[in-house]
C-alpha atoms as a PDB file:
ATOM      1  CA  MET A   1      17.132  51.588  83.594  1.00  0.00           C
ATOM      2  CA  ASN A   2      13.614  50.520  82.417  1.00  0.00           C
ATOM      3  CA  ARG A   3      11.128  53.243  83.251  1.00  0.00           C
ATOM      4  CA  HIS A   4       7.340  52.504  83.030  1.00  0.00           C
ATOM      5  CA  ARG A   5       4.560  54.984  81.548  1.00  0.00           C
ATOM      6  CA  TYR A   6       2.203  55.601  84.321  1.00  0.00           C
ATOM      7  CA  ALA A   7       3.987  56.705  87.996  1.00  0.00           C
ATOM      8  CA  PHE A   8       1.166  53.843  89.379  1.00  0.00           C
ATOM      9  CA  LEU A   9       3.714  51.231  87.818  1.00  0.00           C
ATOM     10  CA  GLU A  10       5.998  52.402  89.569  1.00  0.00           C
ATOM     11  CA  PRO A  11       7.768  49.993  92.423  1.00  0.00           C
ATOM     12  CA  GLY A  12       6.595  51.531  95.912  1.00  0.00           C
ATOM     13  CA  ARG A  13       4.330  53.834  94.853  1.00  0.00           C
ATOM     14  CA  TYR A  14       0.471  53.951  96.551  1.00  0.00           C
ATOM     15  CA  ALA A  15      -1.965  56.546  95.776  1.00  0.00           C
ATOM     16  CA  ARG A  16      -2.029  60.088  97.583  1.00  0.00           C
ATOM     17  CA  GLY A  17      -5.493  59.760  99.167  1.00  0.00           C
ATOM     18  CA  TRP A  18      -8.577  58.095 101.406  1.00  0.00           C
ATOM     19  CA  HIS A  19      -8.463  54.576 101.794  1.00  0.00           C
ATOM     20  CA  LEU A  20     -10.916  52.558 103.792  1.00  0.00           C
ATOM     21  CA  VAL A  21      -9.419  50.354 106.066  1.00  0.00           C
ATOM     22  CA  LEU A  22     -12.731  49.484 108.101  1.00  0.00           C
ATOM     23  CA  PHE A  23     -16.271  50.157 108.911  1.00  0.00           C
ATOM     24  CA  SER A  24     -17.744  52.396 111.977  1.00  0.00           C
ATOM     25  CA  GLN A  25     -19.361  49.148 113.655  1.00  0.00           C
ATOM     26  CA  GLU A  26     -16.037  46.941 113.447  1.00  0.00           C
ATOM     27  CA  LEU A  27     -14.341  49.252 116.497  1.00  0.00           C
ATOM     28  CA  ARG A  28     -15.517  49.898 119.831  1.00  0.00           C
ATOM     29  CA  VAL A  29     -14.876  52.415 121.983  1.00  0.00           C
ATOM     30  CA  GLY A  30     -11.446  51.241 124.066  1.00  0.00           C
ATOM     31  CA  GLU A  31     -10.800  48.459 121.394  1.00  0.00           C
ATOM     32  CA  VAL A  32      -7.356  48.477 119.025  1.00  0.00           C
ATOM     33  CA  ARG A  33      -7.175  46.723 115.741  1.00  0.00           C
ATOM     34  CA  ARG A  34      -4.171  45.877 113.864  1.00  0.00           C
ATOM     35  CA  LEU A  35      -3.439  46.732 110.082  1.00  0.00           C
ATOM     36  CA  HIS A  36      -1.220  46.151 107.588  1.00  0.00           C
ATOM     37  CA  TYR A  37      -1.795  48.471 104.580  1.00  0.00           C
ATOM     38  CA  PHE A  38       0.617  50.861 101.804  1.00  0.00           C
ATOM     39  CA  ASP A  39       3.259  47.341 103.232  1.00  0.00           C
ATOM     40  CA  GLN A  40       3.400  49.361 106.600  1.00  0.00           C
ATOM     41  CA  ASP A  41       1.857  48.001 110.218  1.00  0.00           C
ATOM     42  CA  LEU A  42      -0.904  50.640 111.359  1.00  0.00           C
ATOM     43  CA  VAL A  43      -2.785  50.473 114.140  1.00  0.00           C
ATOM     44  CA  VAL A  44      -6.478  52.116 114.164  1.00  0.00           C
ATOM     45  CA  TYR A  45      -8.278  52.736 117.922  1.00  0.00           C
ATOM     46  CA  ARG A  46     -11.468  54.393 118.838  1.00  0.00           C
ATOM     47  CA  GLY A  47     -10.861  56.414 122.446  1.00  0.00           C
ATOM     48  CA  ALA A  48     -12.802  56.963 125.388  1.00  0.00           C
ATOM     49  CA  SER A  49     -14.257  60.040 123.226  1.00  0.00           C
ATOM     50  CA  GLY A  50     -14.726  58.199 120.258  1.00  0.00           C
ATOM     51  CA  GLN A  51     -12.402  59.988 118.453  1.00  0.00           C
ATOM     52  CA  VAL A  52     -10.339  57.127 115.752  1.00  0.00           C
ATOM     53  CA  ALA A  53      -6.763  57.800 115.699  1.00  0.00           C
ATOM     54  CA  ALA A  54      -3.986  55.503 113.674  1.00  0.00           C
ATOM     55  CA  LEU A  55      -0.583  55.433 114.417  1.00  0.00           C
ATOM     56  CA  ASP A  56       2.988  53.335 113.221  1.00  0.00           C
ATOM     57  CA  ALA A  57       1.952  50.331 114.605  1.00  0.00           C
ATOM     58  CA  HIS A  58       5.424  49.521 116.700  1.00  0.00           C
ATOM     59  CA  CYS A  59       6.868  51.920 119.587  1.00  0.00           C
ATOM     60  CA  PRO A  60       9.429  54.143 118.969  1.00  0.00           C
ATOM     61  CA  HIS A  61      11.430  52.777 122.259  1.00  0.00           C
ATOM     62  CA  LEU A  62      12.764  48.739 121.610  1.00  0.00           C
ATOM     63  CA  GLY A  63       9.925  47.928 118.486  1.00  0.00           C
ATOM     64  CA  ALA A  64       6.775  46.415 120.820  1.00  0.00           C
ATOM     65  CA  HIS A  65       4.002  46.143 118.533  1.00  0.00           C
ATOM     66  CA  LEU A  66       1.032  48.715 120.561  1.00  0.00           C
ATOM     67  CA  ALA A  67      -1.722  46.175 119.606  1.00  0.00           C
ATOM     68  CA  SER A  68      -0.093  42.923 121.095  1.00  0.00           C
ATOM     69  CA  GLY A  69      -2.003  41.332 123.991  1.00  0.00           C
ATOM     70  CA  GLY A  70      -5.202  43.035 122.928  1.00  0.00           C
ATOM     71  CA  GLY A  71      -4.018  46.514 123.186  1.00  0.00           C
ATOM     72  CA  ARG A  72      -4.203  49.159 125.939  1.00  0.00           C
ATOM     73  CA  VAL A  73      -6.555  52.136 125.707  1.00  0.00           C
ATOM     74  CA  ILE A  74      -6.416  55.256 128.387  1.00  0.00           C
ATOM     75  CA  GLU A  75      -8.960  57.953 127.423  1.00  0.00           C
ATOM     76  CA  ASP A  76      -7.732  59.044 124.244  1.00  0.00           C
ATOM     77  CA  ASN A  77      -4.805  57.742 124.314  1.00  0.00           C
ATOM     78  CA  ILE A  78      -3.519  53.921 123.295  1.00  0.00           C
ATOM     79  CA  VAL A  79       0.010  52.602 125.364  1.00  0.00           C
ATOM     80  CA  CYS A  80       2.213  50.187 124.158  1.00  0.00           C
ATOM     81  CA  PRO A  81       2.165  46.566 125.900  1.00  0.00           C
ATOM     82  CA  PHE A  82       6.169  46.430 126.938  1.00  0.00           C
ATOM     83  CA  HIS A  83       6.826  49.450 128.780  1.00  0.00           C
ATOM     84  CA  GLY A  84       4.013  51.407 129.490  1.00  0.00           C
ATOM     85  CA  TRP A  85       5.079  54.398 126.960  1.00  0.00           C
ATOM     86  CA  THR A  86       2.183  56.624 126.242  1.00  0.00           C
ATOM     87  CA  PHE A  87       0.829  57.999 122.800  1.00  0.00           C
ATOM     88  CA  ASP A  88      -1.655  60.516 121.911  1.00  0.00           C
ATOM     89  CA  PRO A  89      -3.960  60.140 118.769  1.00  0.00           C
ATOM     90  CA  SER A  90      -1.016  62.275 116.800  1.00  0.00           C
ATOM     91  CA  GLY A  91       1.759  59.761 117.530  1.00  0.00           C
ATOM     92  CA  ARG A  92       3.363  61.768 119.575  1.00  0.00           C
ATOM     93  CA  CYS A  93       4.584  60.481 123.303  1.00  0.00           C
ATOM     94  CA  VAL A  94       2.628  62.046 126.397  1.00  0.00           C
ATOM     95  CA  ALA A  95       3.737  60.065 129.285  1.00  0.00           C
ATOM     96  CA  ILE A  96       6.635  57.449 130.243  1.00  0.00           C
ATOM     97  CA  PRO A  97       5.522  56.053 134.146  1.00  0.00           C
ATOM     98  CA  TYR A  98       9.311  55.825 134.887  1.00  0.00           C
ATOM     99  CA  ALA A  99      10.578  58.503 133.120  1.00  0.00           C
ATOM    100  CA  ASN A 100      11.537  61.990 134.657  1.00  0.00           C
ATOM    101  CA  LYS A 101      11.624  63.646 131.299  1.00  0.00           C
ATOM    102  CA  ILE A 102      10.382  62.642 127.953  1.00  0.00           C
ATOM    103  CA  PRO A 103      13.124  62.091 125.369  1.00  0.00           C
ATOM    104  CA  GLU A 104      13.246  65.370 123.355  1.00  0.00           C
ATOM    105  CA  GLN A 105      13.451  62.885 120.529  1.00  0.00           C
ATOM    106  CA  ALA A 106      10.618  60.751 121.519  1.00  0.00           C
ATOM    107  CA  GLU A 107       8.020  63.161 121.225  1.00  0.00           C
ATOM    108  CA  HIS A 108       7.454  63.151 117.548  1.00  0.00           C
ATOM    109  CA  ALA A 109       8.806  59.282 117.001  1.00  0.00           C
ATOM    110  CA  LEU A 110       5.833  57.743 116.025  1.00  0.00           C
ATOM    111  CA  GLN A 111       3.474  58.781 113.075  1.00  0.00           C
ATOM    112  CA  GLY A 112      -0.126  59.538 113.719  1.00  0.00           C
ATOM    113  CA  TRP A 113      -2.062  58.866 110.711  1.00  0.00           C
ATOM    114  CA  PRO A 114      -5.152  61.421 109.800  1.00  0.00           C
ATOM    115  CA  VAL A 115      -8.124  59.427 109.745  1.00  0.00           C
ATOM    116  CA  LEU A 116     -11.448  60.829 108.622  1.00  0.00           C
ATOM    117  CA  GLU A 117     -14.589  58.473 109.666  1.00  0.00           C
ATOM    118  CA  LYS A 118     -17.669  59.580 107.389  1.00  0.00           C
ATOM    119  CA  ASN A 119     -20.620  57.711 105.875  1.00  0.00           C
ATOM    120  CA  GLY A 120     -19.871  54.754 108.473  1.00  0.00           C
ATOM    121  CA  PHE A 121     -16.775  54.161 107.462  1.00  0.00           C
ATOM    122  CA  ILE A 122     -12.857  55.023 108.661  1.00  0.00           C
ATOM    123  CA  ALA A 123     -10.938  56.161 106.140  1.00  0.00           C
ATOM    124  CA  LEU A 124      -7.116  56.604 106.370  1.00  0.00           C
ATOM    125  CA  TRP A 125      -5.097  59.760 104.213  1.00  0.00           C
ATOM    126  CA  TYR A 126      -1.625  58.127 102.666  1.00  0.00           C
ATOM    127  CA  ALA A 127       0.287  60.919 101.862  1.00  0.00           C
ATOM    128  CA  THR A 128       4.537  60.704 101.347  1.00  0.00           C
ATOM    129  CA  ASP A 129       4.939  63.781  99.991  1.00  0.00           C
ATOM    130  CA  GLY A 130       3.674  65.607 103.276  1.00  0.00           C
ATOM    131  CA  LEU A 131       0.605  66.860 101.524  1.00  0.00           C
ATOM    132  CA  PRO A 132      -2.551  67.446 103.882  1.00  0.00           C
ATOM    133  CA  PRO A 133      -5.793  65.334 103.419  1.00  0.00           C
ATOM    134  CA  GLU A 134      -8.397  66.735 100.894  1.00  0.00           C
ATOM    135  CA  ASP A 135     -12.038  67.516 101.644  1.00  0.00           C
ATOM    136  CA  TYR A 136     -13.585  65.272  98.472  1.00  0.00           C
ATOM    137  CA  LEU A 137     -15.729  62.316 100.316  1.00  0.00           C
ATOM    138  CA  PRO A 138     -19.223  63.166 100.234  1.00  0.00           C
ATOM    139  CA  THR A 139     -21.716  62.749 102.667  1.00  0.00           C
ATOM    140  CA  ILE A 140     -24.484  59.601 102.054  1.00  0.00           C
ATOM    141  CA  LEU A 141     -27.578  61.032 103.679  1.00  0.00           C
ATOM    142  CA  GLU A 142     -29.037  58.077 103.471  1.00  0.00           C
ATOM    143  CA  TRP A 143     -27.001  56.211 106.080  1.00  0.00           C
ATOM    144  CA  GLY A 144     -27.748  55.510 109.580  1.00  0.00           C
ATOM    145  CA  PRO A 145     -29.270  54.250 112.448  1.00  0.00           C
ATOM    146  CA  GLN A 146     -32.331  56.502 111.512  1.00  0.00           C
ATOM    147  CA  ASN A 147     -32.285  56.438 107.595  1.00  0.00           C
ATOM    148  CA  TRP A 148     -31.475  53.060 105.940  1.00  0.00           C
ATOM    149  CA  GLY A 149     -30.004  51.777 108.274  1.00  0.00           C
ATOM    150  CA  ASP A 150     -26.396  50.272 108.429  1.00  0.00           C
ATOM    151  CA  TRP A 151     -23.979  48.665 105.998  1.00  0.00           C
ATOM    152  CA  THR A 152     -23.461  45.492 104.821  1.00  0.00           C
ATOM    153  CA  PHE A 153     -20.606  44.529 103.304  1.00  0.00           C
ATOM    154  CA  TYR A 154     -18.159  41.868 102.429  1.00  0.00           C
ATOM    155  CA  ARG A 155     -14.130  41.563 101.978  1.00  0.00           C
ATOM    156  CA  SER A 156     -11.730  39.455 100.533  1.00  0.00           C
ATOM    157  CA  ARG A 157      -7.943  40.218 100.057  1.00  0.00           C
ATOM    158  CA  ILE A 158      -6.682  39.614  95.986  1.00  0.00           C
ATOM    159  CA  ARG A 159      -3.462  39.237  94.181  1.00  0.00           C
ATOM    160  CA  ALA A 160      -3.831  42.515  92.360  1.00  0.00           C
ATOM    161  CA  LYS A 161      -3.182  46.048  91.569  1.00  0.00           C
ATOM    162  CA  PRO A 162      -5.603  48.887  92.151  1.00  0.00           C
ATOM    163  CA  CYS A 163      -4.936  50.554  88.934  1.00  0.00           C
ATOM    164  CA  ASP A 164      -6.179  46.516  87.471  1.00  0.00           C
ATOM    165  CA  ILE A 165      -9.479  47.827  89.765  1.00  0.00           C
ATOM    166  CA  ILE A 166     -10.431  51.237  89.168  1.00  0.00           C
ATOM    167  CA  GLU A 167     -10.207  50.433  85.157  1.00  0.00           C
ATOM    168  CA  ASN A 168     -13.758  48.893  85.354  1.00  0.00           C
ATOM    169  CA  ILE A 169     -15.648  52.857  85.791  1.00  0.00           C
ATOM    170  CA  VAL A 170     -14.664  52.835  82.245  1.00  0.00           C
ATOM    171  CA  ASP A 171     -15.306  49.597  80.991  1.00  0.00           C
ATOM    172  CA  ILE A 172     -18.186  49.203  78.844  1.00  0.00           C
ATOM    173  CA  ALA A 173     -17.348  46.212  76.916  1.00  0.00           C
ATOM    174  CA  HIS A 174     -17.024  43.409  80.335  1.00  0.00           C
ATOM    175  CA  PHE A 175     -20.596  43.470  80.846  1.00  0.00           C
ATOM    176  CA  PRO A 176     -22.099  40.985  78.731  1.00  0.00           C
ATOM    177  CA  HIS A 177     -19.642  38.867  79.500  1.00  0.00           C
ATOM    178  CA  VAL A 178     -18.823  39.399  82.997  1.00  0.00           C
ATOM    179  CA  HIS A 179     -22.517  40.666  84.662  1.00  0.00           C
ATOM    180  CA  GLY A 180     -24.452  39.188  81.767  1.00  0.00           C
ATOM    181  CA  GLY A 181     -26.170  42.539  80.727  1.00  0.00           C
ATOM    182  CA  CYS A 182     -26.674  44.699  77.842  1.00  0.00           C
ATOM    183  CA  VAL A 183     -25.927  47.984  78.382  1.00  0.00           C
ATOM    184  CA  ARG A 184     -28.453  49.956  77.222  1.00  0.00           C
ATOM    185  CA  ALA A 185     -27.031  53.890  78.020  1.00  0.00           C
ATOM    186  CA  TRP A 186     -23.154  54.906  79.131  1.00  0.00           C
ATOM    187  CA  GLU A 187     -21.596  57.473  80.051  1.00  0.00           C
ATOM    188  CA  ASN A 188     -18.115  58.529  81.878  1.00  0.00           C
ATOM    189  CA  ARG A 189     -17.497  62.060  83.142  1.00  0.00           C
ATOM    190  CA  PHE A 190     -13.944  63.729  84.356  1.00  0.00           C
ATOM    191  CA  GLY A 191     -14.069  65.470  87.002  1.00  0.00           C
ATOM    192  CA  ASP A 192     -10.542  66.682  88.934  1.00  0.00           C
ATOM    193  CA  ARG A 193     -10.913  64.189  92.227  1.00  0.00           C
ATOM    194  CA  THR A 194     -13.743  62.182  90.202  1.00  0.00           C
ATOM    195  CA  VAL A 195     -15.084  59.814  87.417  1.00  0.00           C
ATOM    196  CA  THR A 196     -18.484  58.956  87.063  1.00  0.00           C
ATOM    197  CA  GLN A 197     -20.204  56.669  85.168  1.00  0.00           C
ATOM    198  CA  LEU A 198     -23.691  56.619  84.521  1.00  0.00           C
ATOM    199  CA  SER A 199     -25.147  53.688  82.951  1.00  0.00           C
ATOM    200  CA  THR A 200     -28.222  51.821  82.372  1.00  0.00           C
ATOM    201  CA  ILE A 201     -27.950  48.028  82.505  1.00  0.00           C
ATOM    202  CA  ASP A 202     -30.116  45.510  81.328  1.00  0.00           C
ATOM    203  CA  GLN A 203     -30.056  42.408  82.429  1.00  0.00           C
ATOM    204  CA  ASP A 204     -29.452  39.607  78.902  1.00  0.00           C
ATOM    205  CA  PRO A 205     -30.913  35.822  79.504  1.00  0.00           C
ATOM    206  CA  THR A 206     -29.005  34.777  76.297  1.00  0.00           C
ATOM    207  CA  ALA A 207     -25.399  37.299  78.039  1.00  0.00           C
ATOM    208  CA  SER A 208     -22.624  35.326  79.106  1.00  0.00           C
ATOM    209  CA  MET A 209     -21.995  35.591  83.022  1.00  0.00           C
ATOM    210  CA  ILE A 210     -19.285  34.652  85.311  1.00  0.00           C
ATOM    211  CA  LYS A 211     -20.807  32.384  88.544  1.00  0.00           C
ATOM    212  CA  PRO A 212     -18.572  33.121  91.382  1.00  0.00           C
ATOM    213  CA  PRO A 213     -17.591  30.121  93.809  1.00  0.00           C
ATOM    214  CA  GLY A 214     -19.720  30.092  96.524  1.00  0.00           C
ATOM    215  CA  THR A 215     -22.751  32.103  96.195  1.00  0.00           C
ATOM    216  CA  LEU A 216     -25.344  31.013  98.410  1.00  0.00           C
ATOM    217  CA  PHE A 217     -28.058  32.264  95.576  1.00  0.00           C
ATOM    218  CA  ASP A 218     -28.942  30.699  92.238  1.00  0.00           C
ATOM    219  CA  VAL A 219     -27.457  33.352  89.740  1.00  0.00           C
ATOM    220  CA  GLU A 220     -29.187  32.706  86.715  1.00  0.00           C
ATOM    221  CA  GLU A 221     -32.418  32.240  88.393  1.00  0.00           C
ATOM    222  CA  ALA A 222     -31.573  35.849  90.384  1.00  0.00           C
ATOM    223  CA  ARG A 223     -30.923  37.236  86.541  1.00  0.00           C
ATOM    224  CA  SER A 224     -34.102  36.150  85.112  1.00  0.00           C
ATOM    225  CA  ASP A 225     -35.790  37.981  87.698  1.00  0.00           C
ATOM    226  CA  ALA A 226     -33.741  40.974  87.098  1.00  0.00           C
ATOM    227  CA  SER A 227     -35.124  40.753  83.222  1.00  0.00           C
ATOM    228  CA  ALA A 228     -38.526  40.419  84.000  1.00  0.00           C
ATOM    229  CA  GLU A 229     -39.384  43.951  83.418  1.00  0.00           C
ATOM    230  CA  ALA A 230     -37.178  45.835  85.689  1.00  0.00           C
ATOM    231  CA  ASN A 231     -36.217  49.326  85.178  1.00  0.00           C
ATOM    232  CA  ALA A 232     -33.015  50.531  86.613  1.00  0.00           C
ATOM    233  CA  TRP A 233     -29.958  52.732  86.338  1.00  0.00           C
ATOM    234  CA  GLY A 234     -27.634  54.106  88.549  1.00  0.00           C
ATOM    235  CA  ASP A 235     -24.448  56.258  89.052  1.00  0.00           C
ATOM    236  CA  ALA A 236     -21.232  55.031  90.581  1.00  0.00           C
ATOM    237  CA  THR A 237     -18.560  57.581  91.385  1.00  0.00           C
ATOM    238  CA  TYR A 238     -14.956  57.022  92.128  1.00  0.00           C
ATOM    239  CA  HIS A 239     -14.063  59.845  94.529  1.00  0.00           C
ATOM    240  CA  GLY A 240     -10.176  59.907  94.553  1.00  0.00           C
ATOM    241  CA  PRO A 241      -8.190  56.972  93.910  1.00  0.00           C
ATOM    242  CA  SER A 242     -10.017  54.090  95.676  1.00  0.00           C
ATOM    243  CA  ILE A 243     -13.073  54.621  97.043  1.00  0.00           C
ATOM    244  CA  MET A 244     -16.270  54.064  94.305  1.00  0.00           C
ATOM    245  CA  TYR A 245     -19.996  55.123  95.408  1.00  0.00           C
ATOM    246  CA  TYR A 246     -22.778  53.981  93.563  1.00  0.00           C
ATOM    247  CA  TYR A 247     -26.123  54.349  93.655  1.00  0.00           C
ATOM    248  CA  THR A 248     -29.118  52.115  91.402  1.00  0.00           C
ATOM    249  CA  GLU A 249     -33.030  52.433  91.327  1.00  0.00           C
ATOM    250  CA  SER A 250     -34.719  49.723  90.327  1.00  0.00           C
ATOM    251  CA  THR A 251     -39.269  49.401  89.694  1.00  0.00           C
ATOM    252  CA  SER A 252     -41.310  47.181  88.270  1.00  0.00           C
ATOM    253  CA  ALA A 253     -44.410  45.497  88.995  1.00  0.00           C
ATOM    254  CA  GLN A 254     -43.201  42.997  92.003  1.00  0.00           C
ATOM    255  CA  LEU A 255     -40.913  45.557  93.443  1.00  0.00           C
ATOM    256  CA  ASN A 256     -39.366  49.531  93.754  1.00  0.00           C
ATOM    257  CA  PHE A 257     -36.136  49.955  95.499  1.00  0.00           C
ATOM    258  CA  LYS A 258     -33.060  51.947  95.664  1.00  0.00           C
ATOM    259  CA  SER A 259     -29.439  51.385  96.829  1.00  0.00           C
ATOM    260  CA  TRP A 260     -26.258  52.733  98.039  1.00  0.00           C
ATOM    261  CA  TRP A 261     -22.746  50.849  97.682  1.00  0.00           C
ATOM    262  CA  VAL A 262     -19.204  51.717  98.650  1.00  0.00           C
ATOM    263  CA  ASN A 263     -17.325  49.634  96.894  1.00  0.00           C
ATOM    264  CA  SER A 264     -13.458  50.058  98.065  1.00  0.00           C
ATOM    265  CA  HIS A 265      -9.916  48.399  97.201  1.00  0.00           C
ATOM    266  CA  THR A 266      -6.912  49.463  99.687  1.00  0.00           C
ATOM    267  CA  ALA A 267      -2.862  48.625  99.001  1.00  0.00           C
ATOM    268  CA  VAL A 268      -1.727  46.283 101.064  1.00  0.00           C
ATOM    269  CA  ASN A 269       1.543  46.056  99.351  1.00  0.00           C
ATOM    270  CA  ALA A 270       2.660  45.841  95.963  1.00  0.00           C
ATOM    271  CA  GLU A 271       1.535  42.315  95.048  1.00  0.00           C
ATOM    272  CA  GLU A 272      -2.233  42.627  96.961  1.00  0.00           C
ATOM    273  CA  VAL A 273      -5.641  44.553  97.547  1.00  0.00           C
ATOM    274  CA  ASP A 274      -8.141  44.495 100.214  1.00  0.00           C
ATOM    275  CA  LEU A 275     -11.508  44.692  98.257  1.00  0.00           C
ATOM    276  CA  CYS A 276     -14.502  45.332 100.415  1.00  0.00           C
ATOM    277  CA  SER A 277     -18.258  45.624  99.259  1.00  0.00           C
ATOM    278  CA  ALA A 278     -21.051  47.376 101.287  1.00  0.00           C
ATOM    279  CA  VAL A 279     -24.901  48.257 100.636  1.00  0.00           C
ATOM    280  CA  ILE A 280     -27.384  49.377 102.364  1.00  0.00           C
ATOM    281  CA  VAL A 281     -31.163  49.244 100.501  1.00  0.00           C
ATOM    282  CA  SER A 282     -34.326  50.686 101.137  1.00  0.00           C
ATOM    283  CA  GLY A 283     -38.012  50.966  99.216  1.00  0.00           C
ATOM    284  CA  LEU A 284     -38.202  53.340  96.861  1.00  0.00           C
ATOM    285  CA  ASP A 285     -41.231  54.880  97.702  1.00  0.00           C
ATOM    286  CA  ASP A 286     -39.697  54.280 101.471  1.00  0.00           C
ATOM    287  CA  ALA A 287     -42.429  51.089 101.930  1.00  0.00           C
ATOM    288  CA  PRO A 288     -40.719  48.368 103.642  1.00  0.00           C
ATOM    289  CA  LEU A 289     -38.934  46.351 101.400  1.00  0.00           C
ATOM    290  CA  PRO A 290     -39.629  42.312 101.452  1.00  0.00           C
ATOM    291  CA  ASP A 291     -37.957  40.651 104.459  1.00  0.00           C
ATOM    292  CA  ASP A 292     -35.844  37.733 102.267  1.00  0.00           C
ATOM    293  CA  PHE A 293     -35.485  40.341  99.194  1.00  0.00           C
ATOM    294  CA  ALA A 294     -33.442  42.919 102.145  1.00  0.00           C
ATOM    295  CA  GLN A 295     -31.799  40.035 103.063  1.00  0.00           C
ATOM    296  CA  LEU A 296     -30.626  38.496  99.193  1.00  0.00           C
ATOM    297  CA  TYR A 297     -29.500  42.188  97.978  1.00  0.00           C
ATOM    298  CA  PRO A 298     -26.554  42.374  99.738  1.00  0.00           C
ATOM    299  CA  GLN A 299     -25.949  38.953  98.746  1.00  0.00           C
ATOM    300  CA  MET A 300     -26.605  39.737  95.115  1.00  0.00           C
ATOM    301  CA  ALA A 301     -24.500  42.796  94.803  1.00  0.00           C
ATOM    302  CA  HIS A 302     -21.444  41.309  96.899  1.00  0.00           C
ATOM    303  CA  THR A 303     -22.004  38.414  94.070  1.00  0.00           C
ATOM    304  CA  ALA A 304     -22.129  41.247  91.264  1.00  0.00           C
ATOM    305  CA  PHE A 305     -18.540  42.539  92.507  1.00  0.00           C
ATOM    306  CA  SER A 306     -17.090  39.396  92.964  1.00  0.00           C
ATOM    307  CA  GLN A 307     -17.769  38.914  89.878  1.00  0.00           C
ATOM    308  CA  ASP A 308     -15.080  41.482  88.345  1.00  0.00           C
ATOM    309  CA  VAL A 309     -13.002  39.760  91.197  1.00  0.00           C
ATOM    310  CA  GLU A 310     -12.771  36.819  89.850  1.00  0.00           C
ATOM    311  CA  ILE A 311     -11.160  38.439  86.661  1.00  0.00           C
ATOM    312  CA  TRP A 312      -9.204  40.929  88.544  1.00  0.00           C
ATOM    313  CA  LYS A 313      -7.434  38.519  90.589  1.00  0.00           C
ATOM    314  CA  ASP A 314      -5.538  36.185  87.395  1.00  0.00           C
ATOM    315  CA  LYS A 315      -5.298  38.940  84.967  1.00  0.00           C
ATOM    316  CA  VAL A 316      -2.053  40.272  84.449  1.00  0.00           C
ATOM    317  CA  TYR A 317      -1.886  44.575  83.816  1.00  0.00           C
ATOM    318  CA  ARG A 318      -1.491  45.322  80.243  1.00  0.00           C
ATOM    319  CA  GLU A 319       1.051  49.207  80.422  1.00  0.00           C
ATOM    320  CA  GLU A 320       0.101  48.821  76.770  1.00  0.00           C
ATOM    321  CA  PRO A 321      -2.679  47.539  76.248  1.00  0.00           C
ATOM    322  CA  VAL A 322      -3.987  46.704  71.989  1.00  0.00           C
ATOM    323  CA  LEU A 323      -7.537  48.670  72.432  1.00  0.00           C
ATOM    324  CA  CYS A 324     -10.242  48.834  69.916  1.00  0.00           C
ATOM    325  CA  ASP A 325     -12.863  51.594  68.910  1.00  0.00           C
ATOM    326  CA  GLY A 326     -15.717  49.644  70.926  1.00  0.00           C
ATOM    327  CA  ASP A 327     -13.597  50.290  74.606  1.00  0.00           C
ATOM    328  CA  GLY A 328     -14.655  52.948  76.810  1.00  0.00           C
ATOM    329  CA  PRO A 329     -11.797  55.397  77.646  1.00  0.00           C
ATOM    330  CA  ILE A 330      -8.990  53.258  79.412  1.00  0.00           C
ATOM    331  CA  THR A 331      -6.164  56.005  78.807  1.00  0.00           C
ATOM    332  CA  LYS A 332      -8.222  58.919  79.547  1.00  0.00           C
ATOM    333  CA  LEU A 333      -8.940  57.069  82.780  1.00  0.00           C
ATOM    334  CA  ARG A 334      -5.035  55.735  83.731  1.00  0.00           C
ATOM    335  CA  ARG A 335      -4.008  59.564  82.820  1.00  0.00           C
ATOM    336  CA  TRP A 336      -6.963  60.937  85.429  1.00  0.00           C
ATOM    337  CA  TYR A 337      -5.656  58.408  87.826  1.00  0.00           C
ATOM    338  CA  GLU A 338      -1.860  59.294  87.599  1.00  0.00           C
ATOM    339  CA  GLN A 339      -2.179  62.010  89.746  1.00  0.00           C
ATOM    340  CA  PHE A 340      -2.669  60.173  92.385  1.00  0.00           C
ATOM    341  CA  TYR A 341       0.903  59.493  92.345  1.00  0.00           C
ATOM    342  CA  LEU A 342       2.317  62.537  90.944  1.00  0.00           C
ATOM    343  CA  PRO A 343       4.112  65.535  92.808  1.00  0.00           C
ATOM    344  CA  ILE A 344       1.577  68.545  93.279  1.00  0.00           C
END
């Protein structure tokens, strides 16, 4: 029997932790959404109180999908559209309209998933070993209607594995070839549940660059504009196995701004992941940004993410890569990442 070097390469295993599945703006009160992650059908809904709940998708009675016909929400409960069986946010059956007694085995036959709604996004806790959710996702104070506004986000599904994507956080050598950048400063820091990239990347008009198909602006022109004496730095941190926060500031004679990005990847099944990049941006001195820049910047941020996507969607994962002394701490990252697949 062949054994993989790392637990995250074992078939059918997914990372224990929080995984972003929706943004708050995508789920109205009374709305039910179908999801499919970790090779499982799920439903997410928002009850009358505003509470978000996530459950296994199929009723334990006769297997109807709880989102069939658009789904039905009564107060904070979800109702099966087939026979009216009603489940609370924990998955407990609380009513059967034609039964005198709820069968004992029905009370806990439907799995409820821990949900976290924070910073304008909705995340699910995945853990097959029954471990309770951890509190490791920080608050982004700048997000919200009274601050910098709501996320502008882009989502895509590609053939890739989560381990392909998370290695980007330590990959110093790809910037001159994928993003057209020159690394001026770089540091990786590892914590218990975090890995951080502190970097200063200058745009280099002579460097190579991937141009994602369908980009709505001139990538080369944007790079030339960004190279005009702009001084930028960024702090990117994975909090857990799949959600990355990135804070950046840029100053130049033409424009000063600051931005938060949230980049995430959530496993759909053993072969596919959903990718999402989301952005909020503000003037560095809180002065209003030019409208054209405020509209263009999220597209530029998404394009930077899409440059990586063009590589991820076609690559294979090298379990035993040939590395050199100019690579980042890839092996250290793999050991850190494996914790989310091992028993505690």
